Amino acid sequence: MELHDVWFVLIAVLWIGYFFLEGFDFGIGVLTKVLARGRPEKRVLINTIGPVWDGNEVWLLTAGGATFAAFPEWYATLFSGFYLPLLIILVCLIVRGVAFEYRVKRPEENWQRNWEEAIFWTSLIPAFLWGVAFGNIVRGVKIDGNMEYVGTFWDLLNPYAILGGLVTLTLFTFHGAVFASLKTVGDIRARARALALKLGLVTAVLALLFLVWTQLDSGDSWSFMAMVIAVVALVGAIGAIRVGREGWSFALSGITIAAAVAMLFLALFPNVMPSSLNAEWSLTVTNASSSPYTLKIMTWCAAIATPLVLLYQSWTYWVFRKRIGTQHLAETH
């Protein structure tokens, strides 16, 4: 296996890690309006991700940096062609981070309500737009012979990509509801389980349509195997939450996300960004990659740094592993 193939796999792993962790993160943000009843329950939901949300976003920064270094042509075409949706996602992530920190800085009702509203929308919008972006990457976009995107923003809003956005939105919200049931106690836990069951059924329908469409359009035997794993894991996650096995359900919903993302990358390979105008103009792991020397240096750096990142992030989740409820909240101002 060539180094550019290795880095394609590593970037896929980074995106799997990001969507697995930030998926329930976004889901919790959406649930602050859908599930929570009153400000105390919103505080409980936000506190379930309070110690980890910023660490989860490290995976996105690493995936973007790895793409820039390993596949500069892919990075350049992707960020120029998808400039507007990626800018919207970036602004949402910035506002979301500010909202988490500023929400409790003042006791006024309007102040806290406005920041909680911001948390909801800046969780929902990226959860949808990431599916739209990856749907377009797999489907193919208008790239000319100079490796430049020549389409418009409206070209990105096609039925396949919109379906992909709905899948990521519902899947992340389901993942978040399962996480909420795993991390809370009392009435909110019971309601999170009930809502997760309903969300799981909706997600299953949308995900099956999207994955089958992907497989028929650009899949192979490997992507088919990943699709089967994703579908089976999702069904298992729904069954586990139905019988109250939140831990198993969370693990299986995470496997669903991992297998679905893996399927998209398997369907994409050896392309990194197909051209819908001419297959010969597509960006591939070969024509979009950096030099072998650059990839070699990056591989050594990744081999040293990655285990350290995994260790400290795992330790963080272990430290904050206990359930919480409204009775654990500190007194307000």
C-alpha atoms as a PDB file:
ATOM      1  CA  MET A   1       0.000   0.000   0.000  1.00  0.00           C
ATOM      2  CA  GLU A   2       1.372   3.408  -1.003  1.00  0.00           C
ATOM      3  CA  LEU A   3       1.623   6.235   1.521  1.00  0.00           C
ATOM      4  CA  HIS A   4      -1.093   8.255  -0.209  1.00  0.00           C
ATOM      5  CA  ASP A   5      -3.417   5.274   0.244  1.00  0.00           C
ATOM      6  CA  VAL A   6      -2.454   5.085   3.917  1.00  0.00           C
ATOM      7  CA  TRP A   7      -3.269   8.755   4.387  1.00  0.00           C
ATOM      8  CA  PHE A   8      -6.592   8.370   2.638  1.00  0.00           C
ATOM      9  CA  VAL A   9      -7.427   5.688   5.218  1.00  0.00           C
ATOM     10  CA  LEU A  10      -6.136   7.848   8.090  1.00  0.00           C
ATOM     11  CA  ILE A  11      -8.254  10.811   6.982  1.00  0.00           C
ATOM     12  CA  ALA A  12     -11.277   8.499   6.816  1.00  0.00           C
ATOM     13  CA  VAL A  13     -10.504   7.379  10.394  1.00  0.00           C
ATOM     14  CA  LEU A  14     -10.283  11.009  11.528  1.00  0.00           C
ATOM     15  CA  TRP A  15     -13.682  11.786  10.033  1.00  0.00           C
ATOM     16  CA  ILE A  16     -15.119   8.656  11.659  1.00  0.00           C
ATOM     17  CA  GLY A  17     -13.770   9.827  15.020  1.00  0.00           C
ATOM     18  CA  TYR A  18     -15.137  13.320  14.493  1.00  0.00           C
ATOM     19  CA  PHE A  19     -18.633  12.218  13.513  1.00  0.00           C
ATOM     20  CA  PHE A  20     -18.749   9.608  16.284  1.00  0.00           C
ATOM     21  CA  LEU A  21     -17.856  12.149  18.990  1.00  0.00           C
ATOM     22  CA  GLU A  22     -19.251  15.364  17.582  1.00  0.00           C
ATOM     23  CA  GLY A  23     -22.329  13.462  16.416  1.00  0.00           C
ATOM     24  CA  PHE A  24     -23.776  13.039  19.912  1.00  0.00           C
ATOM     25  CA  ASP A  25     -22.411  16.520  20.680  1.00  0.00           C
ATOM     26  CA  PHE A  26     -24.575  18.025  17.928  1.00  0.00           C
ATOM     27  CA  GLY A  27     -27.437  15.762  18.955  1.00  0.00           C
ATOM     28  CA  ILE A  28     -27.385  17.073  22.515  1.00  0.00           C
ATOM     29  CA  GLY A  29     -27.449  20.634  21.170  1.00  0.00           C
ATOM     30  CA  VAL A  30     -30.558  19.860  19.102  1.00  0.00           C
ATOM     31  CA  LEU A  31     -32.191  18.120  22.065  1.00  0.00           C
ATOM     32  CA  THR A  32     -31.901  21.198  24.279  1.00  0.00           C
ATOM     33  CA  LYS A  33     -34.991  22.463  22.482  1.00  0.00           C
ATOM     34  CA  VAL A  34     -36.637  19.151  21.582  1.00  0.00           C
ATOM     35  CA  LEU A  35     -36.207  17.126  24.769  1.00  0.00           C
ATOM     36  CA  ALA A  36     -35.531  19.501  27.673  1.00  0.00           C
ATOM     37  CA  ARG A  37     -38.410  20.857  29.728  1.00  0.00           C
ATOM     38  CA  GLY A  38     -37.305  24.065  31.364  1.00  0.00           C
ATOM     39  CA  ARG A  39     -33.934  25.631  32.001  1.00  0.00           C
ATOM     40  CA  PRO A  40     -32.707  23.072  34.591  1.00  0.00           C
ATOM     41  CA  GLU A  41     -33.039  20.218  32.110  1.00  0.00           C
ATOM     42  CA  LYS A  42     -31.303  22.270  29.424  1.00  0.00           C
ATOM     43  CA  ARG A  43     -28.460  22.785  31.866  1.00  0.00           C
ATOM     44  CA  VAL A  44     -28.330  19.040  32.507  1.00  0.00           C
ATOM     45  CA  LEU A  45     -28.092  18.250  28.792  1.00  0.00           C
ATOM     46  CA  ILE A  46     -25.413  20.871  28.202  1.00  0.00           C
ATOM     47  CA  ASN A  47     -23.469  19.621  31.228  1.00  0.00           C
ATOM     48  CA  THR A  48     -23.358  16.094  29.792  1.00  0.00           C
ATOM     49  CA  ILE A  49     -21.069  17.383  27.034  1.00  0.00           C
ATOM     50  CA  GLY A  50     -19.564  20.324  28.919  1.00  0.00           C
ATOM     51  CA  PRO A  51     -16.207  18.646  29.657  1.00  0.00           C
ATOM     52  CA  VAL A  52     -15.769  17.079  26.214  1.00  0.00           C
ATOM     53  CA  TRP A  53     -17.346  19.181  23.438  1.00  0.00           C
ATOM     54  CA  ASP A  54     -14.212  21.214  22.702  1.00  0.00           C
ATOM     55  CA  GLY A  55     -12.010  18.103  22.705  1.00  0.00           C
ATOM     56  CA  ASN A  56     -14.350  16.476  20.205  1.00  0.00           C
ATOM     57  CA  GLU A  57     -13.701  19.295  17.742  1.00  0.00           C
ATOM     58  CA  VAL A  58      -9.976  18.496  17.745  1.00  0.00           C
ATOM     59  CA  TRP A  59     -10.800  15.653  15.369  1.00  0.00           C
ATOM     60  CA  LEU A  60     -12.157  18.133  12.830  1.00  0.00           C
ATOM     61  CA  LEU A  61      -9.064  20.331  13.065  1.00  0.00           C
ATOM     62  CA  THR A  62      -6.842  17.289  12.640  1.00  0.00           C
ATOM     63  CA  ALA A  63      -8.853  15.997   9.674  1.00  0.00           C
ATOM     64  CA  GLY A  64      -8.661  19.400   7.974  1.00  0.00           C
ATOM     65  CA  GLY A  65      -4.940  19.756   8.688  1.00  0.00           C
ATOM     66  CA  ALA A  66      -4.198  16.235   7.482  1.00  0.00           C
ATOM     67  CA  THR A  67      -6.117  16.866   4.256  1.00  0.00           C
ATOM     68  CA  PHE A  68      -4.212  20.130   3.697  1.00  0.00           C
ATOM     69  CA  ALA A  69      -0.832  18.439   4.194  1.00  0.00           C
ATOM     70  CA  ALA A  70      -1.450  15.064   2.559  1.00  0.00           C
ATOM     71  CA  PHE A  71      -3.765  16.084  -0.305  1.00  0.00           C
ATOM     72  CA  PRO A  72      -3.293  19.816  -1.005  1.00  0.00           C
ATOM     73  CA  GLU A  73      -5.147  19.686  -4.319  1.00  0.00           C
ATOM     74  CA  TRP A  74      -8.133  18.056  -2.634  1.00  0.00           C
ATOM     75  CA  TYR A  75      -8.074  20.641   0.138  1.00  0.00           C
ATOM     76  CA  ALA A  76      -7.845  23.555  -2.317  1.00  0.00           C
ATOM     77  CA  THR A  77     -10.674  22.344  -4.550  1.00  0.00           C
ATOM     78  CA  LEU A  78     -12.887  21.334  -1.635  1.00  0.00           C
ATOM     79  CA  PHE A  79     -12.562  24.571   0.306  1.00  0.00           C
ATOM     80  CA  SER A  80     -12.914  26.791  -2.745  1.00  0.00           C
ATOM     81  CA  GLY A  81     -15.875  24.907  -4.233  1.00  0.00           C
ATOM     82  CA  PHE A  82     -17.657  24.362  -0.919  1.00  0.00           C
ATOM     83  CA  TYR A  83     -16.701  27.763   0.431  1.00  0.00           C
ATOM     84  CA  LEU A  84     -20.164  28.950   1.489  1.00  0.00           C
ATOM     85  CA  PRO A  85     -21.407  25.802   3.297  1.00  0.00           C
ATOM     86  CA  LEU A  86     -18.040  25.322   5.003  1.00  0.00           C
ATOM     87  CA  LEU A  87     -18.024  28.977   6.043  1.00  0.00           C
ATOM     88  CA  ILE A  88     -21.515  28.551   7.513  1.00  0.00           C
ATOM     89  CA  ILE A  89     -20.302  25.495   9.438  1.00  0.00           C
ATOM     90  CA  LEU A  90     -17.245  27.398  10.693  1.00  0.00           C
ATOM     91  CA  VAL A  91     -19.338  30.346  11.881  1.00  0.00           C
ATOM     92  CA  CYS A  92     -21.748  27.948  13.610  1.00  0.00           C
ATOM     93  CA  LEU A  93     -18.902  26.196  15.426  1.00  0.00           C
ATOM     94  CA  ILE A  94     -17.477  29.536  16.573  1.00  0.00           C
ATOM     95  CA  VAL A  95     -20.833  30.841  17.814  1.00  0.00           C
ATOM     96  CA  ARG A  96     -21.577  27.472  19.424  1.00  0.00           C
ATOM     97  CA  GLY A  97     -18.347  27.550  21.413  1.00  0.00           C
ATOM     98  CA  VAL A  98     -19.034  31.111  22.528  1.00  0.00           C
ATOM     99  CA  ALA A  99     -22.599  30.170  23.509  1.00  0.00           C
ATOM    100  CA  PHE A 100     -21.414  27.365  25.786  1.00  0.00           C
ATOM    101  CA  GLU A 101     -19.080  29.729  27.614  1.00  0.00           C
ATOM    102  CA  TYR A 102     -21.190  32.916  27.689  1.00  0.00           C
ATOM    103  CA  ARG A 103     -24.564  31.358  28.532  1.00  0.00           C
ATOM    104  CA  VAL A 104     -23.959  31.369  32.286  1.00  0.00           C
ATOM    105  CA  LYS A 105     -22.003  34.619  32.523  1.00  0.00           C
ATOM    106  CA  ARG A 106     -25.119  36.657  33.299  1.00  0.00           C
ATOM    107  CA  PRO A 107     -28.295  35.684  35.188  1.00  0.00           C
ATOM    108  CA  GLU A 108     -30.845  37.498  33.011  1.00  0.00           C
ATOM    109  CA  GLU A 109     -33.524  35.279  31.468  1.00  0.00           C
ATOM    110  CA  ASN A 110     -33.226  36.777  27.974  1.00  0.00           C
ATOM    111  CA  TRP A 111     -29.448  36.479  27.996  1.00  0.00           C
ATOM    112  CA  GLN A 112     -29.485  32.757  28.781  1.00  0.00           C
ATOM    113  CA  ARG A 113     -32.438  32.026  26.473  1.00  0.00           C
ATOM    114  CA  ASN A 114     -30.713  33.679  23.503  1.00  0.00           C
ATOM    115  CA  TRP A 115     -27.504  31.695  23.985  1.00  0.00           C
ATOM    116  CA  GLU A 116     -29.481  28.472  24.374  1.00  0.00           C
ATOM    117  CA  GLU A 117     -31.261  29.293  21.117  1.00  0.00           C
ATOM    118  CA  ALA A 118     -27.848  29.762  19.525  1.00  0.00           C
ATOM    119  CA  ILE A 119     -26.710  26.341  20.801  1.00  0.00           C
ATOM    120  CA  PHE A 120     -29.735  24.710  19.167  1.00  0.00           C
ATOM    121  CA  TRP A 121     -29.307  26.291  15.737  1.00  0.00           C
ATOM    122  CA  THR A 122     -25.509  26.020  15.649  1.00  0.00           C
ATOM    123  CA  SER A 123     -25.860  22.314  16.382  1.00  0.00           C
ATOM    124  CA  LEU A 124     -28.658  21.620  13.902  1.00  0.00           C
ATOM    125  CA  ILE A 125     -27.193  23.489  10.909  1.00  0.00           C
ATOM    126  CA  PRO A 126     -23.730  21.830  10.874  1.00  0.00           C
ATOM    127  CA  ALA A 127     -25.303  18.411  11.507  1.00  0.00           C
ATOM    128  CA  PHE A 128     -27.289  18.881   8.291  1.00  0.00           C
ATOM    129  CA  LEU A 129     -24.580  20.572   6.214  1.00  0.00           C
ATOM    130  CA  TRP A 130     -21.941  17.907   6.884  1.00  0.00           C
ATOM    131  CA  GLY A 131     -24.227  15.363   5.247  1.00  0.00           C
ATOM    132  CA  VAL A 132     -24.793  17.693   2.294  1.00  0.00           C
ATOM    133  CA  ALA A 133     -21.042  18.203   1.888  1.00  0.00           C
ATOM    134  CA  PHE A 134     -20.126  14.522   1.998  1.00  0.00           C
ATOM    135  CA  GLY A 135     -23.035  13.639  -0.241  1.00  0.00           C
ATOM    136  CA  ASN A 136     -21.631  15.945  -2.903  1.00  0.00           C
ATOM    137  CA  ILE A 137     -18.082  14.665  -2.449  1.00  0.00           C
ATOM    138  CA  VAL A 138     -19.184  11.074  -3.060  1.00  0.00           C
ATOM    139  CA  ARG A 139     -21.661  11.899  -5.827  1.00  0.00           C
ATOM    140  CA  GLY A 140     -19.224  14.125  -7.708  1.00  0.00           C
ATOM    141  CA  VAL A 141     -19.239  17.828  -8.496  1.00  0.00           C
ATOM    142  CA  LYS A 142     -18.377  20.077 -11.427  1.00  0.00           C
ATOM    143  CA  ILE A 143     -14.554  20.021 -11.545  1.00  0.00           C
ATOM    144  CA  ASP A 144     -12.766  21.106 -14.714  1.00  0.00           C
ATOM    145  CA  GLY A 145      -9.420  20.028 -16.161  1.00  0.00           C
ATOM    146  CA  ASN A 146      -7.570  22.499 -13.915  1.00  0.00           C
ATOM    147  CA  MET A 147      -8.885  20.779 -10.761  1.00  0.00           C
ATOM    148  CA  GLU A 148     -11.135  23.763 -10.048  1.00  0.00           C
ATOM    149  CA  TYR A 149     -14.789  23.710  -9.014  1.00  0.00           C
ATOM    150  CA  VAL A 150     -16.876  25.468 -11.670  1.00  0.00           C
ATOM    151  CA  GLY A 151     -20.363  24.873 -10.263  1.00  0.00           C
ATOM    152  CA  THR A 152     -22.489  27.081  -8.032  1.00  0.00           C
ATOM    153  CA  PHE A 153     -23.757  26.847  -4.477  1.00  0.00           C
ATOM    154  CA  TRP A 154     -27.169  25.710  -5.746  1.00  0.00           C
ATOM    155  CA  ASP A 155     -25.581  22.756  -7.534  1.00  0.00           C
ATOM    156  CA  LEU A 156     -24.685  21.409  -4.104  1.00  0.00           C
ATOM    157  CA  LEU A 157     -28.354  21.322  -3.057  1.00  0.00           C
ATOM    158  CA  ASN A 158     -29.303  18.273  -5.099  1.00  0.00           C
ATOM    159  CA  PRO A 159     -31.696  15.519  -3.883  1.00  0.00           C
ATOM    160  CA  TYR A 160     -28.927  13.041  -3.031  1.00  0.00           C
ATOM    161  CA  ALA A 161     -26.980  15.569  -0.963  1.00  0.00           C
ATOM    162  CA  ILE A 162     -30.104  16.852   0.816  1.00  0.00           C
ATOM    163  CA  LEU A 163     -31.003  13.268   1.718  1.00  0.00           C
ATOM    164  CA  GLY A 164     -27.469  12.873   3.062  1.00  0.00           C
ATOM    165  CA  GLY A 165     -27.992  15.977   5.184  1.00  0.00           C
ATOM    166  CA  LEU A 166     -31.233  14.607   6.609  1.00  0.00           C
ATOM    167  CA  VAL A 167     -29.494  11.333   7.416  1.00  0.00           C
ATOM    168  CA  THR A 168     -26.656  12.989   9.349  1.00  0.00           C
ATOM    169  CA  LEU A 169     -29.100  15.281  11.166  1.00  0.00           C
ATOM    170  CA  THR A 170     -31.397  12.457  12.298  1.00  0.00           C
ATOM    171  CA  LEU A 171     -28.535  10.031  12.977  1.00  0.00           C
ATOM    172  CA  PHE A 172     -26.630  12.546  15.111  1.00  0.00           C
ATOM    173  CA  THR A 173     -29.800  13.487  16.995  1.00  0.00           C
ATOM    174  CA  PHE A 174     -30.528   9.795  17.623  1.00  0.00           C
ATOM    175  CA  HIS A 175     -26.917   9.329  18.765  1.00  0.00           C
ATOM    176  CA  GLY A 176     -27.351  12.320  21.080  1.00  0.00           C
ATOM    177  CA  ALA A 177     -30.626  11.011  22.517  1.00  0.00           C
ATOM    178  CA  VAL A 178     -28.979   7.686  23.309  1.00  0.00           C
ATOM    179  CA  PHE A 179     -26.063   9.538  24.920  1.00  0.00           C
ATOM    180  CA  ALA A 180     -28.521  11.621  26.972  1.00  0.00           C
ATOM    181  CA  SER A 181     -30.225   8.465  28.233  1.00  0.00           C
ATOM    182  CA  LEU A 182     -26.796   7.056  29.100  1.00  0.00           C
ATOM    183  CA  LYS A 183     -25.630  10.139  30.998  1.00  0.00           C
ATOM    184  CA  THR A 184     -28.725  11.320  32.867  1.00  0.00           C
ATOM    185  CA  VAL A 185     -31.020  10.148  35.647  1.00  0.00           C
ATOM    186  CA  GLY A 186     -34.676  10.654  36.417  1.00  0.00           C
ATOM    187  CA  ASP A 187     -37.498  11.707  34.128  1.00  0.00           C
ATOM    188  CA  ILE A 188     -35.247  13.184  31.454  1.00  0.00           C
ATOM    189  CA  ARG A 189     -33.540   9.815  31.062  1.00  0.00           C
ATOM    190  CA  ALA A 190     -36.866   8.053  30.446  1.00  0.00           C
ATOM    191  CA  ARG A 191     -37.958  10.679  27.919  1.00  0.00           C
ATOM    192  CA  ALA A 192     -34.586  10.499  26.173  1.00  0.00           C
ATOM    193  CA  ARG A 193     -35.002   6.748  25.732  1.00  0.00           C
ATOM    194  CA  ALA A 194     -38.524   7.153  24.341  1.00  0.00           C
ATOM    195  CA  LEU A 195     -37.422   9.883  21.952  1.00  0.00           C
ATOM    196  CA  ALA A 196     -34.369   7.868  20.864  1.00  0.00           C
ATOM    197  CA  LEU A 197     -36.635   4.987  19.870  1.00  0.00           C
ATOM    198  CA  LYS A 198     -38.766   7.247  17.659  1.00  0.00           C
ATOM    199  CA  LEU A 199     -35.711   8.973  16.161  1.00  0.00           C
ATOM    200  CA  GLY A 200     -34.113   5.617  15.475  1.00  0.00           C
ATOM    201  CA  LEU A 201     -37.017   4.472  13.343  1.00  0.00           C
ATOM    202  CA  VAL A 202     -36.967   7.689  11.271  1.00  0.00           C
ATOM    203  CA  THR A 203     -33.189   7.465  10.934  1.00  0.00           C
ATOM    204  CA  ALA A 204     -33.375   3.848   9.808  1.00  0.00           C
ATOM    205  CA  VAL A 205     -35.694   4.697   6.901  1.00  0.00           C
ATOM    206  CA  LEU A 206     -33.657   7.691   5.713  1.00  0.00           C
ATOM    207  CA  ALA A 207     -30.295   5.952   6.185  1.00  0.00           C
ATOM    208  CA  LEU A 208     -31.392   2.859   4.282  1.00  0.00           C
ATOM    209  CA  LEU A 209     -32.523   4.982   1.324  1.00  0.00           C
ATOM    210  CA  PHE A 210     -29.278   6.956   1.299  1.00  0.00           C
ATOM    211  CA  LEU A 211     -26.945   3.977   1.701  1.00  0.00           C
ATOM    212  CA  VAL A 212     -28.716   1.908  -0.947  1.00  0.00           C
ATOM    213  CA  TRP A 213     -28.619   4.896  -3.327  1.00  0.00           C
ATOM    214  CA  THR A 214     -24.892   5.260  -2.673  1.00  0.00           C
ATOM    215  CA  GLN A 215     -24.249   1.565  -3.202  1.00  0.00           C
ATOM    216  CA  LEU A 216     -26.151   1.451  -6.487  1.00  0.00           C
ATOM    217  CA  ASP A 217     -24.464   4.615  -7.752  1.00  0.00           C
ATOM    218  CA  SER A 218     -20.813   4.061  -6.857  1.00  0.00           C
ATOM    219  CA  GLY A 219     -20.446   1.118  -4.485  1.00  0.00           C
ATOM    220  CA  ASP A 220     -18.482  -2.117  -4.656  1.00  0.00           C
ATOM    221  CA  SER A 221     -18.275  -5.268  -2.561  1.00  0.00           C
ATOM    222  CA  TRP A 222     -16.341  -3.542   0.225  1.00  0.00           C
ATOM    223  CA  SER A 223     -18.773  -0.665   0.517  1.00  0.00           C
ATOM    224  CA  PHE A 224     -21.633  -3.178   0.496  1.00  0.00           C
ATOM    225  CA  MET A 225     -20.107  -4.915   3.522  1.00  0.00           C
ATOM    226  CA  ALA A 226     -19.833  -1.572   5.318  1.00  0.00           C
ATOM    227  CA  MET A 227     -23.457  -0.797   4.440  1.00  0.00           C
ATOM    228  CA  VAL A 228     -24.627  -4.105   5.907  1.00  0.00           C
ATOM    229  CA  ILE A 229     -22.689  -3.430   9.120  1.00  0.00           C
ATOM    230  CA  ALA A 230     -24.209   0.055   9.381  1.00  0.00           C
ATOM    231  CA  VAL A 231     -27.765  -1.210   8.887  1.00  0.00           C
ATOM    232  CA  VAL A 232     -27.381  -4.129  11.315  1.00  0.00           C
ATOM    233  CA  ALA A 233     -25.760  -1.886  13.940  1.00  0.00           C
ATOM    234  CA  LEU A 234     -28.536   0.691  13.641  1.00  0.00           C
ATOM    235  CA  VAL A 235     -31.221  -1.957  14.043  1.00  0.00           C
ATOM    236  CA  GLY A 236     -29.302  -3.282  17.042  1.00  0.00           C
ATOM    237  CA  ALA A 237     -29.048   0.204  18.559  1.00  0.00           C
ATOM    238  CA  ILE A 238     -32.822   0.670  18.246  1.00  0.00           C
ATOM    239  CA  GLY A 239     -33.454  -2.733  19.803  1.00  0.00           C
ATOM    240  CA  ALA A 240     -31.023  -2.070  22.654  1.00  0.00           C
ATOM    241  CA  ILE A 241     -32.559   1.289  23.566  1.00  0.00           C
ATOM    242  CA  ARG A 242     -36.004  -0.318  23.455  1.00  0.00           C
ATOM    243  CA  VAL A 243     -35.014  -2.751  26.228  1.00  0.00           C
ATOM    244  CA  GLY A 244     -33.137  -0.124  28.228  1.00  0.00           C
ATOM    245  CA  ARG A 245     -29.557  -1.136  27.360  1.00  0.00           C
ATOM    246  CA  GLU A 246     -28.254   2.382  26.842  1.00  0.00           C
ATOM    247  CA  GLY A 247     -24.567   1.437  26.823  1.00  0.00           C
ATOM    248  CA  TRP A 248     -25.032  -1.145  24.090  1.00  0.00           C
ATOM    249  CA  SER A 249     -27.249   1.210  22.152  1.00  0.00           C
ATOM    250  CA  PHE A 250     -24.650   3.983  22.281  1.00  0.00           C
ATOM    251  CA  ALA A 251     -21.889   1.636  21.146  1.00  0.00           C
ATOM    252  CA  LEU A 252     -24.019   0.329  18.283  1.00  0.00           C
ATOM    253  CA  SER A 253     -25.104   3.817  17.161  1.00  0.00           C
ATOM    254  CA  GLY A 254     -21.412   4.721  17.126  1.00  0.00           C
ATOM    255  CA  ILE A 255     -20.684   1.660  14.986  1.00  0.00           C
ATOM    256  CA  THR A 256     -23.474   2.775  12.660  1.00  0.00           C
ATOM    257  CA  ILE A 257     -21.794   6.144  12.170  1.00  0.00           C
ATOM    258  CA  ALA A 258     -18.367   4.552  11.717  1.00  0.00           C
ATOM    259  CA  ALA A 259     -19.611   2.017   9.157  1.00  0.00           C
ATOM    260  CA  ALA A 260     -21.639   4.613   7.229  1.00  0.00           C
ATOM    261  CA  VAL A 261     -18.656   6.976   6.963  1.00  0.00           C
ATOM    262  CA  ALA A 262     -16.411   4.067   6.017  1.00  0.00           C
ATOM    263  CA  MET A 263     -18.870   3.126   3.290  1.00  0.00           C
ATOM    264  CA  LEU A 264     -18.724   6.629   1.827  1.00  0.00           C
ATOM    265  CA  PHE A 265     -14.927   6.581   1.723  1.00  0.00           C
ATOM    266  CA  LEU A 266     -14.882   3.064   0.259  1.00  0.00           C
ATOM    267  CA  ALA A 267     -17.331   4.157  -2.439  1.00  0.00           C
ATOM    268  CA  LEU A 268     -15.145   7.199  -3.092  1.00  0.00           C
ATOM    269  CA  PHE A 269     -11.742   5.443  -3.372  1.00  0.00           C
ATOM    270  CA  PRO A 270      -9.479   5.846  -5.352  1.00  0.00           C
ATOM    271  CA  ASN A 271     -11.046   9.237  -6.010  1.00  0.00           C
ATOM    272  CA  VAL A 272     -10.998  11.926  -3.372  1.00  0.00           C
ATOM    273  CA  MET A 273     -13.303  14.238  -5.302  1.00  0.00           C
ATOM    274  CA  PRO A 274     -14.922  12.923  -8.489  1.00  0.00           C
ATOM    275  CA  SER A 275     -15.703  15.222 -11.402  1.00  0.00           C
ATOM    276  CA  SER A 276     -19.236  15.038 -12.751  1.00  0.00           C
ATOM    277  CA  LEU A 277     -18.090  16.709 -15.982  1.00  0.00           C
ATOM    278  CA  ASN A 278     -15.392  14.255 -16.999  1.00  0.00           C
ATOM    279  CA  ALA A 279     -14.107  11.242 -15.056  1.00  0.00           C
ATOM    280  CA  GLU A 280     -10.563  12.006 -16.221  1.00  0.00           C
ATOM    281  CA  TRP A 281     -10.706  15.352 -14.395  1.00  0.00           C
ATOM    282  CA  SER A 282     -11.440  13.722 -11.040  1.00  0.00           C
ATOM    283  CA  LEU A 283      -9.090  14.260  -8.123  1.00  0.00           C
ATOM    284  CA  THR A 284      -7.589  10.956  -6.981  1.00  0.00           C
ATOM    285  CA  VAL A 285      -5.290   9.808  -4.194  1.00  0.00           C
ATOM    286  CA  THR A 286      -2.490   9.953  -6.769  1.00  0.00           C
ATOM    287  CA  ASN A 287      -2.886  13.299  -8.534  1.00  0.00           C
ATOM    288  CA  ALA A 288      -4.041  15.203  -5.431  1.00  0.00           C
ATOM    289  CA  SER A 289      -1.417  13.998  -2.949  1.00  0.00           C
ATOM    290  CA  SER A 290       1.743  15.599  -1.594  1.00  0.00           C
ATOM    291  CA  SER A 291       5.238  14.285  -2.299  1.00  0.00           C
ATOM    292  CA  PRO A 292       6.306  10.921  -0.832  1.00  0.00           C
ATOM    293  CA  TYR A 293       8.807  12.692   1.437  1.00  0.00           C
ATOM    294  CA  THR A 294       6.082  14.913   2.924  1.00  0.00           C
ATOM    295  CA  LEU A 295       3.830  11.911   3.512  1.00  0.00           C
ATOM    296  CA  LYS A 296       6.690  10.019   5.154  1.00  0.00           C
ATOM    297  CA  ILE A 297       7.373  12.839   7.639  1.00  0.00           C
ATOM    298  CA  MET A 298       3.636  13.128   8.370  1.00  0.00           C
ATOM    299  CA  THR A 299       3.404   9.397   9.019  1.00  0.00           C
ATOM    300  CA  TRP A 300       6.126   9.533  11.678  1.00  0.00           C
ATOM    301  CA  CYS A 301       4.473  12.531  13.356  1.00  0.00           C
ATOM    302  CA  ALA A 302       1.080  10.802  13.346  1.00  0.00           C
ATOM    303  CA  ALA A 303       2.550   7.600  14.783  1.00  0.00           C
ATOM    304  CA  ILE A 304       3.910   9.548  17.770  1.00  0.00           C
ATOM    305  CA  ALA A 305       1.073  12.018  18.401  1.00  0.00           C
ATOM    306  CA  THR A 306      -2.045   9.924  17.764  1.00  0.00           C
ATOM    307  CA  PRO A 307      -1.677   7.493  20.715  1.00  0.00           C
ATOM    308  CA  LEU A 308      -1.149  10.448  23.086  1.00  0.00           C
ATOM    309  CA  VAL A 309      -4.315  12.172  21.863  1.00  0.00           C
ATOM    310  CA  LEU A 310      -6.335   8.975  22.219  1.00  0.00           C
ATOM    311  CA  LEU A 311      -5.020   8.432  25.743  1.00  0.00           C
ATOM    312  CA  TYR A 312      -5.829  11.869  27.116  1.00  0.00           C
ATOM    313  CA  GLN A 313      -9.253  11.991  25.458  1.00  0.00           C
ATOM    314  CA  SER A 314     -10.131   8.521  26.769  1.00  0.00           C
ATOM    315  CA  TRP A 315      -9.033   9.621  30.237  1.00  0.00           C
ATOM    316  CA  THR A 316     -11.329  12.669  30.007  1.00  0.00           C
ATOM    317  CA  TYR A 317     -14.346  10.502  29.228  1.00  0.00           C
ATOM    318  CA  TRP A 318     -13.438   8.150  32.080  1.00  0.00           C
ATOM    319  CA  VAL A 319     -13.211  10.996  34.598  1.00  0.00           C
ATOM    320  CA  PHE A 320     -16.616  12.396  33.601  1.00  0.00           C
ATOM    321  CA  ARG A 321     -18.355   9.050  33.180  1.00  0.00           C
ATOM    322  CA  LYS A 322     -21.047   9.405  35.895  1.00  0.00           C
ATOM    323  CA  ARG A 323     -24.699  10.194  35.270  1.00  0.00           C
ATOM    324  CA  ILE A 324     -26.110  13.590  36.215  1.00  0.00           C
ATOM    325  CA  GLY A 325     -29.555  15.060  36.880  1.00  0.00           C
ATOM    326  CA  THR A 326     -31.184  18.276  37.975  1.00  0.00           C
ATOM    327  CA  GLN A 327     -30.311  17.444  41.585  1.00  0.00           C
ATOM    328  CA  HIS A 328     -26.611  17.717  40.713  1.00  0.00           C
ATOM    329  CA  LEU A 329     -26.846  21.267  39.377  1.00  0.00           C
ATOM    330  CA  ALA A 330     -25.090  24.047  41.258  1.00  0.00           C
ATOM    331  CA  GLU A 331     -27.177  26.905  42.580  1.00  0.00           C
ATOM    332  CA  THR A 332     -27.924  29.632  40.043  1.00  0.00           C
ATOM    333  CA  HIS A 333     -26.805  33.240  40.549  1.00  0.00           C
END
